[in-house]
Amino acid sequence: MRNATVLRPFQRGRRSVADLERWRQIRADWVAGIHAESNFHLLFDHIPGVAFFAKDREGHLMYASRALLARYGMQDDSGILGFKDHDINPRSMADAYVEDDLKLFSGEVKMVERVELWWDLQGLPDWYLVTKIPLFAPDGRCVGVAGILRAPAESERSLPLFQTVARAVEVIRRDYAKPLRVEAVAEACGQSLRQLQRHFQRSFGLTPQEFLIKTRVIAASRLLEDPAFSLSQVAERCGFGDQNTFSLHFRRRTGVTPAAYRRKVAGERSL
């Protein structure tokens, strides 16, 4: 019986004092360009259940609340300050975050509100409610993005739509390493396949099958960081069945092959 793999965010090397000081000065300059009424970050460390972040116009992380740092296993912001989404998240997740930011920067939308795949405190993928807004300088220029991440409240979880999706997500998170079929997920939730697909589309903007594959890809991206596992072992442990299927799905959702991804991660760690 295969066990589900615990996922963990990317582990970064120790930062140099000079690099941290440089980014702290960059952050100070960035904050100075934000309108005084936008200095919103001070209270978020004290709001239970809410994780907060802010990024500059180029996507560098400038602020992260304690709740967000905890999800990355960090004690302070030395491991996150100045990094971009692709530096600390799998590409399949980071691409979605960057796409949101571009919509805010371009003025296509004034706010992003959606349910998205994210990490829980155990390092497993789960669904969270995310809200993002643009940040503006006094002269009207968009200088960054701020957002909050939170688990659905109990009152929201009691809604039929969330109950159905939450149950399906839990089944997928628990059993993604097995030869799981979406029809079995629907049956476990007391829904027809068509109903489950409709609920997933409304909540996530994707099908339950795609959610399952993305969960497996995220799990695989973690195992690929460990050279002790061969590509065929990663494929088996993450529920892909065989290495060819694994490579096909991984490349389609990350843009690179599993082998190329492993080489990239190894190269970054050697810097």
Foldseek 3Di string as FASTA:
>chain_A
DFFADFAAWDDADQDDPVVVVVLVVVLVVLVVQFDPVPPPPPCPLPDPQKWKWKAWLVAFTNDTHPVRCLLNVHPDCSRRGGDHLVVTAAQLQRVVVVVVSVCQQVVVDQKDWAWDWDQDNRRATDIWIKIKGFTAGPVGHGTIMMMMIGHDDPVVCPDPLNVLQRQLRVCLRGDLLALDDLCVSQVSSVHGLVVQQVSCCVHPVGGSVVVSLVSLLRSLLRVLLPPVDDLQRSCNSRNVNGNVSVQVSNCVSRVDGSVVSSVVSVVSRVD
